[in-house]
């Protein structure tokens, strides 16, 4: 197929009711009129949570409770199909035959009183396996021929249940054959998001934002023109609108800017999920399925021209760990030992800073990893502590991190001064500072109770830019 395909992914809120299915189908129809389209469907909103609840009930031996969840899901999809038929003007039927497989899986969990990761993935897969055929039927009923495709037929993953990784070498040729084969017949492929299949043939799930991952993998495999992520927000804003009501929509971001924002708390996009598309330089477009007339945010290799800060993001629930001691001055390998010790504990460092005097190393880690980090560093430097080279390892809880992001910050004099002048004017004390060599992010740690004030103060700098 010479013409490039656009991949459109619909999240759970965009498929939360019969009206939303019909709306999604209209959006696909409009896109298909402009060029070939492939679709990725998430489970209807709330369905995956109900499936997990059914599995938990089964594990506890409460078969009647888990059976009620299955009946509830059956009824919801039957009623949705009936309402789609009324709204779409064409017959849409719900085939609930796969629910027998779900009932069998839940019976096995109840019998063994064990919910293994393998079985949990199988049970979690049913949301997408129910919604994709329903969306394909909706499209067909509205005059846009479509075919549902189970991603397990071509999405080959490892066997890391709950957070499986796709084997692109094995998957990409299968993806191309499957999608382009359906498109070649004049039909829209509607693919189950979130799920794949291990080399052993077992159902796997792709982890957090798994349907975004599916869309990115499909886009990368077929060299898509774009990956469009339909959600319930207008796109990426200059700040969290719950903190800054006047936050503005950002029409365009670079991959680097988006990565920095999402790493430091922006919730619109789970960046690791879309890395396959970024690796192939495929634009990502975030749009609101409830307000499709809004242009949304395009994330690509290009940023909008201009100097200064583009956006502010923040995250809380962190802990500041500091390693202090005059004996660290001029001693090679201290930082390497810090990171090695933490890595062995499986802890991810959110931010790192070292004083120019080499007497202090500060780390910001998730609060849940506080004890593991302190223990790892205490053990790693126990001899240095005994000899007085290092004073000790201190942990400061309730830390928030603020990040000022923008490609236009690079090479622009005075940005750091403006950032910290604004924060100081808001009466916020800065605990730790970090700036990457790319100069498109200045991040700093503060008491998390001061985070809203810091974000609002910095957004005024964005507004003035």
Protein backbone atom coordinates (compact mmCIF):
# COMPACT_ATOMS: atom_id res chain seq x y z
CA UNK A 1 0.00 0.00 0.00
CA UNK A 2 1.67 3.22 -1.19
CA UNK A 3 -0.38 5.61 0.94
CA UNK A 4 0.64 5.80 4.58
CA UNK A 5 -1.78 4.60 7.24
CA UNK A 6 -2.86 6.64 10.29
CA UNK A 7 -3.33 4.69 13.52
CA UNK A 8 -6.17 5.91 15.77
CA UNK A 9 -6.36 4.67 19.36
CA UNK A 10 -9.49 5.08 21.50
CA UNK A 11 -9.18 4.93 25.27
CA UNK A 12 -11.74 3.56 27.69
CA UNK A 13 -13.51 6.86 28.29
CA UNK A 14 -13.86 7.30 24.52
CA UNK A 15 -15.64 3.93 24.41
CA UNK A 16 -17.59 4.23 27.63
CA UNK A 17 -21.12 3.99 26.22
CA UNK A 18 -23.11 3.39 23.05
CA UNK A 19 -22.97 7.11 22.29
CA UNK A 20 -19.19 7.06 22.63
CA UNK A 21 -18.86 4.03 20.31
CA UNK A 22 -20.91 5.84 17.67
CA UNK A 23 -18.88 9.00 18.15
CA UNK A 24 -15.64 7.04 17.79
CA UNK A 25 -16.96 5.43 14.62
CA UNK A 26 -17.78 8.85 13.18
CA UNK A 27 -14.25 10.04 13.93
CA UNK A 28 -12.83 6.97 12.19
CA UNK A 29 -15.15 7.50 9.20
CA UNK A 30 -13.95 11.09 8.86
CA UNK A 31 -10.30 10.02 9.06
CA UNK A 32 -10.87 7.16 6.59
CA UNK A 33 -12.23 9.64 4.07
CA UNK A 34 -8.80 11.28 4.04
CA UNK A 35 -6.68 8.12 3.88
CA UNK A 36 -6.27 4.56 5.17
CA UNK A 37 -6.86 4.08 8.89
CA UNK A 38 -6.14 1.38 11.46
CA UNK A 39 -7.82 1.48 14.87
CA UNK A 40 -6.82 0.31 18.35
CA UNK A 41 -9.59 -0.22 20.91
CA UNK A 42 -9.26 -0.19 24.68
CA UNK A 43 -11.76 -1.87 26.98
CA UNK A 44 -14.91 0.08 27.83
CA UNK A 45 -14.28 2.36 30.82
CA UNK A 46 -14.29 0.45 34.08
CA UNK A 47 -14.35 -3.02 32.51
CA UNK A 48 -10.74 -3.97 33.27
CA UNK A 49 -11.25 -2.99 36.91
CA UNK A 50 -14.35 -5.21 37.07
CA UNK A 51 -12.44 -8.12 35.54
CA UNK A 52 -9.72 -7.76 38.15
CA UNK A 53 -12.38 -7.59 40.87
CA UNK A 54 -13.91 -10.82 39.56
CA UNK A 55 -10.52 -12.52 39.68
CA UNK A 56 -9.96 -11.36 43.27
CA UNK A 57 -13.37 -12.68 44.29
CA UNK A 58 -12.65 -16.00 42.61
CA UNK A 59 -9.30 -16.29 44.38
CA UNK A 60 -11.13 -15.87 47.68
CA UNK A 61 -13.49 -18.67 46.71
CA UNK A 62 -16.45 -16.35 46.14
CA UNK A 63 -17.60 -17.89 42.87
CA UNK A 64 -21.07 -16.39 43.08
CA UNK A 65 -19.61 -12.89 43.34
CA UNK A 66 -17.28 -13.43 40.38
CA UNK A 67 -20.18 -14.90 38.37
CA UNK A 68 -22.21 -11.76 39.07
CA UNK A 69 -19.41 -9.65 37.58
CA UNK A 70 -19.44 -11.75 34.40
CA UNK A 71 -23.23 -11.40 34.18
CA UNK A 72 -22.92 -7.66 34.71
CA UNK A 73 -20.35 -7.34 31.92
CA UNK A 74 -22.47 -9.44 29.59
CA UNK A 75 -25.50 -7.27 30.26
CA UNK A 76 -23.56 -4.03 29.80
CA UNK A 77 -22.23 -5.08 26.40
CA UNK A 78 -25.60 -6.47 25.26
CA UNK A 79 -27.32 -3.22 26.19
CA UNK A 80 -24.57 -1.17 24.54
CA UNK A 81 -24.94 -3.14 21.30
CA UNK A 82 -28.71 -2.64 21.34
CA UNK A 83 -28.33 1.09 21.88
CA UNK A 84 -25.70 1.32 19.13
CA UNK A 85 -28.18 -0.35 16.78
CA UNK A 86 -30.70 2.37 17.59
CA UNK A 87 -28.19 5.21 17.18
CA UNK A 88 -26.26 3.90 14.18
CA UNK A 89 -29.22 2.84 12.07
CA UNK A 90 -27.75 -0.60 11.42
CA UNK A 91 -27.87 -3.86 13.31
CA UNK A 92 -25.09 -4.45 15.84
CA UNK A 93 -25.10 -7.71 17.77
CA UNK A 94 -22.96 -8.71 20.71
CA UNK A 95 -21.27 -12.09 20.54
CA UNK A 96 -20.72 -13.07 24.15
CA UNK A 97 -19.37 -16.55 23.40
CA UNK A 98 -15.88 -15.67 24.64
CA UNK A 99 -17.34 -15.06 28.10
CA UNK A 100 -17.50 -18.84 28.50
CA UNK A 101 -13.70 -18.78 28.40
CA UNK A 102 -13.72 -16.10 31.09
CA UNK A 103 -16.02 -18.19 33.26
CA UNK A 104 -13.71 -21.18 32.87
CA UNK A 105 -10.67 -19.11 33.87
CA UNK A 106 -12.44 -17.74 36.93
CA UNK A 107 -13.58 -21.24 37.93
CA UNK A 108 -9.97 -22.40 37.78
CA UNK A 109 -8.89 -19.52 40.01
CA UNK A 110 -11.64 -20.35 42.49
CA UNK A 111 -10.74 -24.03 42.51
CA UNK A 112 -7.03 -23.48 43.10
CA UNK A 113 -7.44 -20.33 45.20
CA UNK A 114 -4.54 -18.91 43.22
CA UNK A 115 -4.41 -15.97 40.81
CA UNK A 116 -1.12 -16.36 38.97
CA UNK A 117 0.25 -13.56 36.74
CA UNK A 118 -0.43 -15.76 33.71
CA UNK A 119 -4.11 -16.22 34.61
CA UNK A 120 -4.44 -12.57 35.66
CA UNK A 121 -3.31 -11.50 32.18
CA UNK A 122 -5.80 -13.85 30.54
CA UNK A 123 -8.67 -12.50 32.64
CA UNK A 124 -7.62 -8.86 32.07
CA UNK A 125 -7.59 -9.40 28.29
CA UNK A 126 -11.34 -9.80 27.96
CA UNK A 127 -12.14 -6.07 28.08
CA UNK A 128 -10.38 -5.38 24.79
CA UNK A 129 -11.55 -8.65 23.28
CA UNK A 130 -15.13 -7.53 23.91
CA UNK A 131 -14.78 -3.89 22.82
CA UNK A 132 -12.84 -4.29 19.55
CA UNK A 133 -15.51 -6.46 17.85
CA UNK A 134 -18.18 -4.06 19.11
CA UNK A 135 -16.38 -1.06 17.59
CA UNK A 136 -15.80 -2.94 14.33
CA UNK A 137 -19.52 -3.83 14.20
CA UNK A 138 -20.43 -0.20 14.87
CA UNK A 139 -18.27 0.97 11.98
CA UNK A 140 -19.75 -1.62 9.63
CA UNK A 141 -23.29 -0.68 10.67
CA UNK A 142 -22.50 2.93 9.82
CA UNK A 143 -21.30 2.09 6.32
CA UNK A 144 -17.58 1.83 7.02
CA UNK A 145 -16.60 -1.86 6.61
CA UNK A 146 -14.36 -3.00 9.44
CA UNK A 147 -12.89 -6.19 10.86
CA UNK A 148 -11.85 -6.89 14.44
CA UNK A 149 -8.35 -8.31 14.87
CA UNK A 150 -7.06 -10.02 17.99
CA UNK A 151 -3.57 -8.62 18.58
CA UNK A 152 -2.46 -11.98 19.96
CA UNK A 153 -2.32 -13.22 16.38
CA UNK A 154 0.63 -10.95 15.58
CA UNK A 155 1.88 -9.23 18.75
CA UNK A 156 4.68 -11.52 19.96
CA UNK A 157 5.95 -10.63 23.43
CA UNK A 158 8.20 -12.04 26.11
CA UNK A 159 6.60 -13.95 28.99
CA UNK A 160 6.80 -11.13 31.54
CA UNK A 161 3.14 -11.26 32.51
CA UNK A 162 1.65 -7.93 33.54
CA UNK A 163 4.28 -5.87 31.74
CA UNK A 164 5.28 -7.79 28.63
CA UNK A 165 7.64 -6.38 26.01
CA UNK A 166 7.00 -6.81 22.30
CA UNK A 167 9.55 -8.64 20.17
CA UNK A 168 9.50 -6.31 17.19
CA UNK A 169 11.69 -8.53 15.05
CA UNK A 170 9.08 -11.28 15.21
CA UNK A 171 6.01 -9.04 15.41
CA UNK A 172 6.56 -6.38 12.75
CA UNK A 173 6.25 -8.66 9.69
CA UNK A 174 3.10 -10.25 11.15
CA UNK A 175 1.62 -6.84 11.93
CA UNK A 176 2.23 -5.64 8.38
CA UNK A 177 0.69 -8.74 6.83
CA UNK A 178 -2.37 -8.62 9.09
CA UNK A 179 -3.16 -4.91 8.90
CA UNK A 180 -2.28 -4.34 5.26
CA UNK A 181 -4.21 -7.48 4.30
CA UNK A 182 -7.40 -6.12 5.85
CA UNK A 183 -6.80 -2.62 4.48
CA UNK A 184 -6.21 -4.08 1.03
CA UNK A 185 -9.75 -5.46 1.12
CA UNK A 186 -11.17 -1.99 1.74
CA UNK A 187 -11.82 -2.60 5.43
CA UNK A 188 -10.69 -0.86 8.61
CA UNK A 189 -8.75 -3.14 10.98
CA UNK A 190 -9.85 -2.70 14.61
CA UNK A 191 -7.17 -4.17 16.88
CA UNK A 192 -7.43 -5.18 20.52
CA UNK A 193 -5.16 -2.93 22.54
CA UNK A 194 -3.15 -3.92 25.62
CA UNK A 195 -2.65 -7.61 24.84
CA UNK A 196 -0.20 -9.92 23.12
CA UNK A 197 0.97 -13.52 23.16
CA UNK A 198 4.12 -15.05 24.61
CA UNK A 199 6.31 -17.53 22.70
CA UNK A 200 4.51 -20.27 24.65
CA UNK A 201 1.16 -19.08 23.30
CA UNK A 202 -0.02 -17.57 26.58
CA UNK A 203 -1.94 -14.29 26.72
CA UNK A 204 0.15 -11.38 27.97
CA UNK A 205 -0.62 -7.75 28.76
CA UNK A 206 1.59 -4.78 27.96
CA UNK A 207 1.35 -2.96 31.28
CA UNK A 208 0.43 0.63 32.03
CA UNK A 209 -1.10 2.44 29.03
CA UNK A 210 -0.90 -0.84 27.13
CA UNK A 211 -3.29 0.28 24.40
CA UNK A 212 -1.06 3.29 23.70
CA UNK A 213 1.81 0.81 23.42
CA UNK A 214 -0.19 -1.26 20.93
CA UNK A 215 -0.91 1.80 18.81
CA UNK A 216 2.74 2.85 18.85
CA UNK A 217 3.91 -0.64 17.91
CA UNK A 218 1.44 -0.86 15.02
CA UNK A 219 2.45 2.58 13.83
CA UNK A 220 6.14 1.71 13.98
CA UNK A 221 5.64 -1.59 12.15
CA UNK A 222 3.74 -0.08 9.22
CA UNK A 223 5.50 3.30 9.08
CA UNK A 224 2.30 5.17 9.94
CA UNK A 225 1.74 8.79 8.99
CA UNK A 226 0.69 9.50 12.59
CA UNK A 227 -0.53 7.85 15.77
CA UNK A 228 -3.64 9.64 17.04
CA UNK A 229 -4.50 9.07 20.69
CA UNK A 230 -8.13 9.90 21.42
CA UNK A 231 -8.68 10.65 25.09
CA UNK A 232 -10.85 12.84 27.33
CA UNK A 233 -8.61 15.94 27.46
CA UNK A 234 -7.83 18.53 24.80
CA UNK A 235 -4.12 17.73 24.70
CA UNK A 236 -1.04 18.78 26.66
CA UNK A 237 -1.45 22.02 28.61
CA UNK A 238 1.11 24.49 29.92
CA UNK A 239 0.39 23.24 33.47
CA UNK A 240 -2.03 21.05 35.39
CA UNK A 241 -5.41 22.84 35.03
CA UNK A 242 -6.41 21.69 38.51
CA UNK A 243 -3.59 23.89 39.85
CA UNK A 244 -3.57 26.58 37.14
CA UNK A 245 -7.10 27.04 35.73
CA UNK A 246 -5.76 29.42 33.06
CA UNK A 247 -3.36 26.81 31.66
CA UNK A 248 -3.21 26.89 27.85
CA UNK A 249 -3.21 24.17 25.24
CA UNK A 250 0.17 23.51 23.65
CA UNK A 251 -0.42 22.90 19.94
CA UNK A 252 3.02 21.36 19.38
CA UNK A 253 5.77 19.78 21.45
CA UNK A 254 9.05 18.11 20.60
CA UNK A 255 9.63 14.53 21.65
CA UNK A 256 12.20 15.80 24.16
CA UNK A 257 9.79 18.30 25.71
CA UNK A 258 7.05 15.69 25.98
CA UNK A 259 9.48 13.21 27.56
CA UNK A 260 10.57 15.71 30.20
CA UNK A 261 6.99 16.72 31.01
CA UNK A 262 5.65 13.20 31.35
CA UNK A 263 8.69 12.04 33.35
CA UNK A 264 7.99 14.79 35.86
CA UNK A 265 4.29 14.17 36.31
CA UNK A 266 2.25 15.23 33.26
CA UNK A 267 -0.54 12.65 33.05
CA UNK A 268 -1.76 13.04 29.47
CA UNK A 269 0.74 10.59 28.03
CA UNK A 270 2.69 7.65 29.44
CA UNK A 271 5.82 8.33 27.44
CA UNK A 272 7.46 4.85 27.51
CA UNK A 273 4.31 3.49 25.89
CA UNK A 274 4.86 5.46 22.69
CA UNK A 275 8.62 5.04 22.31
CA UNK A 276 8.28 2.64 19.32
CA UNK A 277 6.55 5.35 17.31
CA UNK A 278 9.11 7.94 18.36
CA UNK A 279 11.93 5.63 17.31
CA UNK A 280 10.49 5.79 13.78
CA UNK A 281 9.87 9.59 13.96
CA UNK A 282 6.10 9.12 13.71
CA UNK A 283 4.12 12.14 14.98
CA UNK A 284 1.85 11.59 17.98
CA UNK A 285 -1.39 13.56 18.09
CA UNK A 286 -3.37 13.81 21.33
CA UNK A 287 -7.00 14.78 20.81
CA UNK A 288 -10.21 14.93 22.83
CA UNK A 289 -12.88 12.58 21.51
CA UNK A 290 -15.47 14.63 23.41
CA UNK A 291 -14.29 17.82 21.65
CA UNK A 292 -12.81 16.68 18.34
CA UNK A 293 -12.98 20.19 16.91
CA UNK A 294 -10.06 21.16 19.19
CA UNK A 295 -6.77 20.78 17.32
CA UNK A 296 -5.06 18.92 20.17
CA UNK A 297 -1.31 18.57 20.65
CA UNK A 298 1.09 17.23 18.05
CA UNK A 299 4.29 15.70 19.39
CA UNK A 300 7.05 15.35 16.82
CA UNK A 301 10.74 16.01 16.27
CA UNK A 302 9.97 19.71 15.91
CA UNK A 303 9.17 22.25 18.63
CA UNK A 304 7.47 25.57 18.13
CA UNK A 305 9.94 28.42 17.66
CA UNK A 306 10.50 30.81 20.54
CA UNK A 307 12.62 31.26 23.61
CA UNK A 308 11.92 30.44 27.21
CA UNK A 309 9.80 27.97 29.14
CA UNK A 310 6.97 26.14 27.40
CA UNK A 311 5.33 24.30 30.29
CA UNK A 312 5.48 23.39 33.97
CA UNK A 313 4.95 19.91 35.35
CA UNK A 314 5.09 18.57 38.89
CA UNK A 315 4.98 15.38 40.87
CA UNK A 316 4.67 14.57 44.56
CA UNK A 317 5.01 11.51 46.79
CA UNK A 318 8.80 11.62 46.69
CA UNK A 319 11.66 11.48 49.18
CA UNK A 320 15.01 13.33 49.25
CA UNK A 321 17.98 11.15 50.18
CA UNK A 322 21.29 12.86 50.93
CA UNK A 323 24.77 11.48 51.45
CA UNK A 324 27.08 13.94 53.21
CA UNK A 325 30.71 13.98 54.21
CA UNK A 326 33.95 15.90 53.71
CA UNK A 327 35.71 12.60 53.05
CA UNK A 328 34.03 12.32 49.64
CA UNK A 329 36.04 15.22 48.22
CA UNK A 330 38.36 14.08 45.44
CA UNK A 331 37.54 10.40 45.90
CA UNK A 332 36.81 8.78 42.50
CA UNK A 333 33.85 6.48 42.05
CA UNK A 334 31.56 7.71 44.85
CA UNK A 335 28.69 8.56 42.50
CA UNK A 336 29.17 5.26 40.64
CA UNK A 337 28.89 3.35 43.93
CA UNK A 338 25.76 5.29 44.85
CA UNK A 339 24.01 4.36 41.61
CA UNK A 340 25.23 0.76 41.68
CA UNK A 341 23.94 0.23 45.21
CA UNK A 342 20.56 1.73 44.37
CA UNK A 343 20.29 -0.22 41.13
CA UNK A 344 20.86 -3.48 43.00
CA UNK A 345 17.87 -2.56 45.16
CA UNK A 346 15.67 -2.03 42.09
CA UNK A 347 15.06 1.65 42.90
CA UNK A 348 14.55 4.25 40.18
CA UNK A 349 16.19 7.65 40.82
CA UNK A 350 13.93 10.52 39.75
CA UNK A 351 16.52 13.27 40.18
CA UNK A 352 20.24 13.52 41.06
CA UNK A 353 22.39 16.40 42.20
CA UNK A 354 25.97 16.67 43.47
CA UNK A 355 27.46 19.70 45.17
CA UNK A 356 30.44 21.24 43.36
CA UNK A 357 32.44 20.78 46.57
CA UNK A 358 31.77 17.02 46.27
CA UNK A 359 30.66 16.98 49.94
CA UNK A 360 27.02 16.14 49.20
CA UNK A 361 25.11 13.86 46.86
CA UNK A 362 21.34 14.24 46.78
CA UNK A 363 18.85 11.86 45.23
CA UNK A 364 15.10 12.07 44.82
CA UNK A 365 13.31 8.71 44.81
CA UNK A 366 9.67 7.59 45.16
CA UNK A 367 8.56 7.64 48.79
CA UNK A 368 7.79 3.92 48.65
CA UNK A 369 11.50 3.28 48.00
CA UNK A 370 12.77 5.36 50.91
CA UNK A 371 13.71 2.50 53.26
CA UNK A 372 15.28 0.38 50.52
CA UNK A 373 17.41 3.31 49.34
CA UNK A 374 18.60 4.26 52.80
CA UNK A 375 19.45 0.64 53.59
CA UNK A 376 21.33 0.18 50.30
CA UNK A 377 23.45 3.30 50.81
CA UNK A 378 24.04 2.62 54.48
CA UNK A 379 25.40 -0.81 53.66
CA UNK A 380 27.43 0.37 50.67
CA UNK A 381 29.22 3.07 52.70
CA UNK A 382 29.36 1.36 56.10
CA UNK A 383 33.18 1.48 56.21
CA UNK A 384 33.27 5.16 55.22
CA UNK A 385 30.77 5.91 57.97
CA UNK A 386 32.88 4.05 60.53
CA UNK A 387 35.99 6.05 59.58
CA UNK A 388 34.15 9.38 59.48
CA UNK A 389 34.59 9.95 55.73
CA UNK A 390 30.82 10.08 55.40
CA UNK A 391 28.56 11.58 58.04
CA UNK A 392 25.54 9.46 57.19
CA UNK A 393 22.51 8.94 55.00
CA UNK A 394 19.55 11.22 55.62
CA UNK A 395 16.01 10.92 54.28
CA UNK A 396 13.61 13.83 53.93
CA UNK A 397 10.00 12.77 53.17
CA UNK A 398 7.14 14.71 51.55
CA UNK A 399 9.15 16.08 48.65
CA UNK A 400 7.69 17.37 45.41
CA UNK A 401 9.58 18.04 42.18
CA UNK A 402 8.80 20.88 39.79
CA UNK A 403 10.10 20.89 36.22
CA UNK A 404 10.27 23.88 33.88
CA UNK A 405 10.45 22.54 30.33
CA UNK A 406 11.10 24.03 26.92
CA UNK A 407 13.41 23.61 23.94
CA UNK A 408 13.61 27.41 23.81
CA UNK A 409 15.40 27.44 27.17
CA UNK A 410 18.55 26.18 25.49
CA UNK A 411 21.09 28.96 25.17
CA UNK A 412 18.69 31.61 26.49
CA UNK A 413 20.40 33.71 29.19
CA UNK A 414 18.60 34.35 32.46
CA UNK A 415 16.14 31.45 32.41
CA UNK A 416 17.36 29.94 35.68
CA UNK A 417 17.34 33.35 37.33
CA UNK A 418 13.73 33.94 36.29
CA UNK A 419 12.71 30.49 37.53
CA UNK A 420 14.20 30.86 40.99
CA UNK A 421 13.22 34.51 41.37
CA UNK A 422 9.59 33.51 40.73
CA UNK A 423 9.78 30.64 43.19
CA UNK A 424 11.43 32.80 45.85
CA UNK A 425 8.80 35.51 45.40
CA UNK A 426 6.17 32.84 46.13
CA UNK A 427 7.90 32.06 49.42
CA UNK A 428 8.96 28.55 48.37
CA UNK A 429 12.24 27.11 49.62
CA UNK A 430 14.22 24.99 47.13
CA UNK A 431 15.83 21.85 48.57
CA UNK A 432 17.70 20.50 45.54
CA UNK A 433 18.29 21.60 41.93
CA UNK A 434 19.15 19.71 38.73
CA UNK A 435 19.58 20.83 35.14
CA UNK A 436 20.40 18.48 32.28
CA UNK A 437 23.05 19.24 29.70
CA UNK A 438 20.30 19.54 27.07
CA UNK A 439 19.17 22.73 28.88
CA UNK A 440 15.52 22.06 28.06
CA UNK A 441 14.61 21.25 31.66
CA UNK A 442 15.29 22.82 35.03
CA UNK A 443 13.95 20.68 37.86
CA UNK A 444 14.06 21.23 41.59
CA UNK A 445 12.81 19.61 44.76
CA UNK A 446 10.67 21.39 47.35
CA UNK A 447 8.35 20.56 50.21
CA UNK A 448 5.38 19.00 48.45
CA UNK A 449 2.90 21.24 50.26
CA UNK A 450 4.47 24.18 48.37
CA UNK A 451 4.13 22.56 44.95
CA UNK A 452 0.89 24.32 43.89
CA UNK A 453 2.33 27.74 44.80
CA UNK A 454 5.54 26.99 42.89
CA UNK A 455 3.64 25.80 39.79
CA UNK A 456 1.43 28.89 39.79
CA UNK A 457 4.41 31.21 40.23
CA UNK A 458 6.32 29.56 37.37
CA UNK A 459 3.29 29.53 35.09
CA UNK A 460 3.34 33.31 35.24
CA UNK A 461 6.86 33.07 33.77
CA UNK A 462 5.47 30.88 30.98
CA UNK A 463 2.65 33.35 30.36
CA UNK A 464 5.08 36.25 30.22
CA UNK A 465 7.40 34.44 27.78
